[in-house]
N, C-alpha and C. Protein backbone atom coordinates (compact mmCIF):
# COMPACT_ATOMS: atom_id res chain seq x y z
N MET A 1 0.84 -1.20 0.00
CA MET A 1 0.00 0.00 0.00
C MET A 1 0.87 1.24 0.00
N GLY A 2 2.02 1.19 0.63
CA GLY A 2 2.91 2.34 0.71
C GLY A 2 3.44 2.76 -0.65
N LYS A 3 3.73 1.76 -1.52
CA LYS A 3 4.24 2.07 -2.86
C LYS A 3 3.19 2.76 -3.72
N VAL A 4 1.93 2.35 -3.57
CA VAL A 4 0.84 2.97 -4.33
C VAL A 4 0.68 4.42 -3.90
N LYS A 5 0.69 4.64 -2.59
CA LYS A 5 0.56 6.01 -2.07
C LYS A 5 1.74 6.86 -2.53
N GLU A 6 2.92 6.28 -2.51
CA GLU A 6 4.13 7.00 -2.96
C GLU A 6 4.03 7.36 -4.44
N PHE A 7 3.50 6.41 -5.26
CA PHE A 7 3.34 6.67 -6.68
C PHE A 7 2.40 7.85 -6.91
N PHE A 8 1.24 7.85 -6.23
CA PHE A 8 0.28 8.92 -6.43
C PHE A 8 0.80 10.25 -5.89
N ASN A 9 1.56 10.23 -4.84
CA ASN A 9 2.17 11.47 -4.34
C ASN A 9 3.16 12.04 -5.35
N LYS A 10 3.97 11.17 -5.97
CA LYS A 10 4.91 11.63 -6.99
C LYS A 10 4.16 12.15 -8.21
N LEU A 11 3.08 11.45 -8.61
CA LEU A 11 2.28 11.91 -9.74
C LEU A 11 1.66 13.26 -9.45
N LYS A 12 1.13 13.42 -8.26
CA LYS A 12 0.52 14.70 -7.86
C LYS A 12 1.56 15.82 -7.90
N GLU A 13 2.72 15.55 -7.38
CA GLU A 13 3.81 16.54 -7.37
C GLU A 13 4.21 16.90 -8.81
N LEU A 14 4.31 15.89 -9.67
CA LEU A 14 4.68 16.11 -11.06
C LEU A 14 3.65 16.98 -11.77
N VAL A 15 2.37 16.68 -11.57
CA VAL A 15 1.30 17.44 -12.21
C VAL A 15 1.27 18.87 -11.70
N LEU A 16 1.41 19.04 -10.41
CA LEU A 16 1.37 20.39 -9.84
C LEU A 16 2.55 21.24 -10.29
N ASN A 17 3.68 20.61 -10.55
CA ASN A 17 4.87 21.36 -10.95
C ASN A 17 5.01 21.52 -12.46
N ASN A 18 4.17 20.84 -13.23
CA ASN A 18 4.29 20.92 -14.67
C ASN A 18 2.91 21.10 -15.29
N LYS A 19 2.59 22.31 -15.68
CA LYS A 19 1.26 22.60 -16.22
C LYS A 19 1.00 21.88 -17.53
N ARG A 20 2.03 21.64 -18.31
CA ARG A 20 1.86 20.96 -19.58
C ARG A 20 1.30 19.55 -19.34
N ILE A 21 1.84 18.85 -18.35
CA ILE A 21 1.35 17.50 -18.04
C ILE A 21 -0.09 17.57 -17.55
N ALA A 22 -0.42 18.58 -16.75
CA ALA A 22 -1.78 18.74 -16.25
C ALA A 22 -2.75 18.94 -17.41
N VAL A 23 -2.35 19.75 -18.41
CA VAL A 23 -3.20 19.98 -19.57
C VAL A 23 -3.37 18.70 -20.39
N ILE A 24 -2.30 17.93 -20.53
CA ILE A 24 -2.37 16.67 -21.28
C ILE A 24 -3.31 15.70 -20.58
N ILE A 25 -3.18 15.57 -19.27
CA ILE A 25 -4.05 14.66 -18.52
C ILE A 25 -5.51 15.11 -18.62
N ALA A 26 -5.75 16.40 -18.48
CA ALA A 26 -7.12 16.92 -18.60
C ALA A 26 -7.68 16.66 -19.99
N SER A 27 -6.86 16.80 -21.01
CA SER A 27 -7.30 16.55 -22.38
C SER A 27 -7.65 15.08 -22.59
N ILE A 28 -6.84 14.19 -22.04
CA ILE A 28 -7.10 12.76 -22.17
C ILE A 28 -8.41 12.41 -21.48
N VAL A 29 -8.64 12.95 -20.30
CA VAL A 29 -9.89 12.69 -19.57
C VAL A 29 -11.08 13.20 -20.39
N LEU A 30 -10.96 14.37 -20.96
CA LEU A 30 -12.03 14.94 -21.77
C LEU A 30 -12.32 14.07 -23.00
N ILE A 31 -11.29 13.57 -23.65
CA ILE A 31 -11.46 12.70 -24.81
C ILE A 31 -12.18 11.41 -24.41
N ILE A 32 -11.80 10.85 -23.26
CA ILE A 32 -12.45 9.62 -22.77
C ILE A 32 -13.93 9.88 -22.53
N ILE A 33 -14.26 11.01 -21.92
CA ILE A 33 -15.66 11.35 -21.65
C ILE A 33 -16.44 11.51 -22.96
N ILE A 34 -15.86 12.17 -23.94
CA ILE A 34 -16.53 12.37 -25.23
C ILE A 34 -16.77 11.03 -25.92
N ILE A 35 -15.77 10.14 -25.91
CA ILE A 35 -15.93 8.82 -26.53
C ILE A 35 -17.03 8.04 -25.83
N TRP A 36 -17.06 8.10 -24.49
CA TRP A 36 -18.09 7.40 -23.73
C TRP A 36 -19.48 7.92 -24.10
N LEU A 37 -19.63 9.25 -24.24
CA LEU A 37 -20.92 9.82 -24.61
C LEU A 37 -21.35 9.39 -26.01
N ILE A 38 -20.42 9.36 -26.95
CA ILE A 38 -20.73 8.92 -28.31
C ILE A 38 -21.21 7.47 -28.30
N ILE A 39 -20.53 6.62 -27.56
CA ILE A 39 -20.93 5.21 -27.46
C ILE A 39 -22.30 5.10 -26.82
N ALA A 40 -22.54 5.84 -25.75
CA ALA A 40 -23.84 5.78 -25.05
C ALA A 40 -24.97 6.22 -25.97
N ILE A 41 -24.75 7.27 -26.75
CA ILE A 41 -25.79 7.75 -27.67
C ILE A 41 -26.04 6.73 -28.78
N SER A 42 -24.98 6.12 -29.31
CA SER A 42 -25.17 5.16 -30.39
C SER A 42 -25.91 3.91 -29.91
N PHE A 43 -25.72 3.50 -28.65
CA PHE A 43 -26.44 2.35 -28.12
C PHE A 43 -27.89 2.68 -27.84
N SER A 44 -28.20 3.95 -27.62
CA SER A 44 -29.57 4.31 -27.27
C SER A 44 -30.46 4.46 -28.51
N LYS A 45 -29.89 4.44 -29.71
CA LYS A 45 -30.68 4.53 -30.93
C LYS A 45 -31.20 3.15 -31.29
N VAL A 46 -32.50 2.97 -31.14
CA VAL A 46 -33.11 1.69 -31.44
C VAL A 46 -34.35 1.94 -32.30
N ALA A 47 -34.79 0.89 -32.99
CA ALA A 47 -35.91 1.03 -33.92
C ALA A 47 -37.26 1.06 -33.21
N LEU A 48 -37.39 0.35 -32.10
CA LEU A 48 -38.69 0.21 -31.44
C LEU A 48 -38.74 1.01 -30.14
N SER A 49 -39.93 1.50 -29.83
CA SER A 49 -40.13 2.22 -28.57
C SER A 49 -40.55 1.24 -27.49
N CYS A 50 -40.53 1.71 -26.28
CA CYS A 50 -40.97 0.90 -25.14
C CYS A 50 -42.42 0.47 -25.33
N GLU A 51 -43.25 1.39 -25.81
CA GLU A 51 -44.67 1.07 -26.01
C GLU A 51 -44.84 -0.05 -27.03
N GLU A 52 -44.02 -0.05 -28.07
CA GLU A 52 -44.13 -1.09 -29.10
C GLU A 52 -43.74 -2.47 -28.56
N VAL A 53 -42.67 -2.52 -27.77
CA VAL A 53 -42.27 -3.83 -27.24
C VAL A 53 -43.23 -4.29 -26.14
N GLU A 54 -43.83 -3.34 -25.43
CA GLU A 54 -44.86 -3.71 -24.45
C GLU A 54 -46.01 -4.43 -25.16
N GLU A 55 -46.43 -3.91 -26.31
CA GLU A 55 -47.51 -4.53 -27.08
C GLU A 55 -47.13 -5.93 -27.54
N ILE A 56 -45.88 -6.11 -27.93
CA ILE A 56 -45.41 -7.44 -28.35
C ILE A 56 -45.54 -8.43 -27.18
N ALA A 57 -45.10 -8.01 -26.01
CA ALA A 57 -45.16 -8.90 -24.83
C ALA A 57 -46.61 -9.15 -24.41
N LEU A 58 -47.43 -8.10 -24.44
CA LEU A 58 -48.84 -8.27 -24.06
C LEU A 58 -49.56 -9.22 -25.00
N LYS A 59 -49.25 -9.14 -26.30
CA LYS A 59 -49.86 -10.06 -27.28
C LYS A 59 -49.46 -11.50 -26.99
N LYS A 60 -48.20 -11.69 -26.64
CA LYS A 60 -47.70 -13.05 -26.37
C LYS A 60 -48.45 -13.66 -25.19
N LEU A 61 -48.80 -12.85 -24.19
CA LEU A 61 -49.51 -13.35 -23.01
C LEU A 61 -51.02 -13.31 -23.15
N GLY A 62 -51.51 -12.53 -24.08
CA GLY A 62 -52.96 -12.37 -24.22
C GLY A 62 -53.53 -11.37 -23.22
N GLY A 63 -52.72 -10.46 -22.75
CA GLY A 63 -53.18 -9.43 -21.82
C GLY A 63 -52.23 -9.27 -20.65
N GLY A 64 -52.65 -8.43 -19.71
CA GLY A 64 -51.84 -8.19 -18.52
C GLY A 64 -51.62 -6.71 -18.27
N ARG A 65 -50.82 -6.43 -17.27
CA ARG A 65 -50.50 -5.05 -16.90
C ARG A 65 -48.98 -4.89 -16.87
N VAL A 66 -48.46 -3.95 -17.65
CA VAL A 66 -47.02 -3.70 -17.70
C VAL A 66 -46.62 -2.97 -16.42
N VAL A 67 -45.62 -3.52 -15.74
CA VAL A 67 -45.14 -2.88 -14.51
C VAL A 67 -43.74 -2.29 -14.68
N ARG A 68 -43.06 -2.67 -15.78
CA ARG A 68 -41.72 -2.13 -16.02
C ARG A 68 -41.34 -2.35 -17.48
N CYS A 69 -40.73 -1.33 -18.05
CA CYS A 69 -40.13 -1.44 -19.39
C CYS A 69 -38.86 -0.62 -19.37
N GLU A 70 -37.74 -1.28 -19.60
CA GLU A 70 -36.45 -0.59 -19.48
C GLU A 70 -35.55 -1.00 -20.64
N LEU A 71 -34.93 0.00 -21.26
CA LEU A 71 -34.00 -0.25 -22.37
C LEU A 71 -32.62 -0.55 -21.81
N GLU A 72 -32.14 -1.73 -22.14
CA GLU A 72 -30.76 -2.10 -21.84
C GLU A 72 -29.97 -1.87 -23.13
N ILE A 73 -28.80 -2.42 -23.26
CA ILE A 73 -28.04 -2.26 -24.50
C ILE A 73 -28.69 -3.09 -25.59
N ARG A 74 -29.39 -2.41 -26.50
CA ARG A 74 -30.04 -3.00 -27.67
C ARG A 74 -31.13 -4.03 -27.36
N LYS A 75 -31.63 -4.01 -26.13
CA LYS A 75 -32.74 -4.90 -25.79
C LYS A 75 -33.57 -4.26 -24.68
N TYR A 76 -34.82 -4.66 -24.64
CA TYR A 76 -35.72 -4.18 -23.60
C TYR A 76 -35.96 -5.29 -22.59
N GLU A 77 -36.08 -4.90 -21.33
CA GLU A 77 -36.55 -5.79 -20.28
C GLU A 77 -37.96 -5.30 -19.94
N VAL A 78 -38.96 -6.17 -20.08
CA VAL A 78 -40.36 -5.82 -19.84
C VAL A 78 -40.94 -6.77 -18.81
N ASN A 79 -41.56 -6.22 -17.77
CA ASN A 79 -42.23 -7.03 -16.76
C ASN A 79 -43.73 -6.79 -16.86
N ILE A 80 -44.49 -7.90 -16.87
CA ILE A 80 -45.94 -7.84 -16.98
C ILE A 80 -46.56 -8.75 -15.92
N VAL A 81 -47.58 -8.24 -15.25
CA VAL A 81 -48.35 -9.04 -14.31
C VAL A 81 -49.63 -9.49 -15.02
N HIS A 82 -49.87 -10.83 -14.97
CA HIS A 82 -51.03 -11.40 -15.66
C HIS A 82 -51.41 -12.72 -14.98
N ASN A 83 -52.67 -12.82 -14.55
CA ASN A 83 -53.19 -14.06 -13.95
C ASN A 83 -52.31 -14.60 -12.82
N SER A 84 -52.00 -13.76 -11.86
CA SER A 84 -51.23 -14.14 -10.66
C SER A 84 -49.77 -14.50 -10.94
N TYR A 85 -49.27 -14.15 -12.11
CA TYR A 85 -47.86 -14.37 -12.45
C TYR A 85 -47.23 -13.05 -12.85
N GLU A 86 -45.93 -12.93 -12.58
CA GLU A 86 -45.17 -11.81 -13.13
C GLU A 86 -44.21 -12.39 -14.16
N TYR A 87 -44.33 -11.89 -15.36
CA TYR A 87 -43.51 -12.35 -16.47
C TYR A 87 -42.43 -11.32 -16.76
N GLU A 88 -41.24 -11.83 -17.06
CA GLU A 88 -40.15 -10.95 -17.47
C GLU A 88 -39.75 -11.34 -18.89
N PHE A 89 -39.83 -10.36 -19.78
CA PHE A 89 -39.48 -10.55 -21.18
C PHE A 89 -38.17 -9.84 -21.49
N THR A 90 -37.39 -10.44 -22.36
CA THR A 90 -36.24 -9.78 -22.98
C THR A 90 -36.55 -9.73 -24.47
N ILE A 91 -36.60 -8.49 -25.00
CA ILE A 91 -37.03 -8.30 -26.39
C ILE A 91 -35.99 -7.45 -27.12
N ASP A 92 -35.60 -7.91 -28.30
CA ASP A 92 -34.65 -7.18 -29.14
C ASP A 92 -35.23 -5.81 -29.48
N ALA A 93 -34.48 -4.75 -29.22
CA ALA A 93 -34.98 -3.38 -29.39
C ALA A 93 -35.07 -2.95 -30.85
N ASN A 94 -34.46 -3.70 -31.75
CA ASN A 94 -34.53 -3.34 -33.17
C ASN A 94 -35.48 -4.22 -33.96
N THR A 95 -35.53 -5.51 -33.64
CA THR A 95 -36.35 -6.43 -34.44
C THR A 95 -37.68 -6.77 -33.77
N GLY A 96 -37.77 -6.61 -32.45
CA GLY A 96 -38.98 -6.99 -31.73
C GLY A 96 -39.05 -8.47 -31.40
N GLU A 97 -37.98 -9.20 -31.71
CA GLU A 97 -37.94 -10.63 -31.41
C GLU A 97 -37.90 -10.85 -29.90
N VAL A 98 -38.74 -11.77 -29.43
CA VAL A 98 -38.71 -12.14 -28.02
C VAL A 98 -37.52 -13.08 -27.82
N ILE A 99 -36.51 -12.58 -27.12
CA ILE A 99 -35.29 -13.35 -26.90
C ILE A 99 -35.52 -14.39 -25.80
N ASP A 100 -36.24 -13.97 -24.76
CA ASP A 100 -36.47 -14.86 -23.63
C ASP A 100 -37.63 -14.33 -22.82
N TYR A 101 -38.36 -15.23 -22.18
CA TYR A 101 -39.35 -14.78 -21.19
C TYR A 101 -39.58 -15.90 -20.20
N ASP A 102 -39.96 -15.47 -18.98
CA ASP A 102 -40.16 -16.41 -17.90
C ASP A 102 -41.21 -15.84 -16.97
N GLY A 103 -41.99 -16.73 -16.36
CA GLY A 103 -43.02 -16.29 -15.44
C GLY A 103 -42.80 -16.85 -14.04
N GLU A 104 -43.19 -16.08 -13.06
CA GLU A 104 -43.07 -16.50 -11.67
C GLU A 104 -44.39 -16.23 -10.95
N TYR A 105 -44.87 -17.24 -10.25
CA TYR A 105 -46.13 -17.09 -9.52
C TYR A 105 -45.96 -16.09 -8.37
N ILE A 106 -46.83 -15.10 -8.33
CA ILE A 106 -46.74 -14.09 -7.27
C ILE A 106 -47.96 -14.10 -6.37
N GLY A 107 -48.92 -14.96 -6.63
CA GLY A 107 -50.12 -15.07 -5.81
C GLY A 107 -51.18 -14.08 -6.23
N GLU A 108 -52.32 -14.20 -5.61
CA GLU A 108 -53.44 -13.31 -5.91
C GLU A 108 -53.16 -11.92 -5.35
N ARG A 109 -53.48 -10.91 -6.15
CA ARG A 109 -53.26 -9.52 -5.71
C ARG A 109 -54.51 -8.71 -5.93
């Protein structure tokens, strides 16, 4: 642990004494943030809306009440309560294909 602390103390001293290094580090951090934002935006572009995939799941069950719809990376997670069961669907956000679904008995409500 002492070597790690010593390394960061030397790095801190180096950055504080050399503005050029501080600017380079700040630039690298900014570039990383920009790349992360670009990736996040590109993953959020999908063909289907939450409402559309909810309809797909509801049709598969023949009814129910949607309690959750959340976009993951290129897929939706949809939870529906129907006939004393809670179903969880995984649906492709671009094609609408039901990748997986499972139901769990939750009792009468």
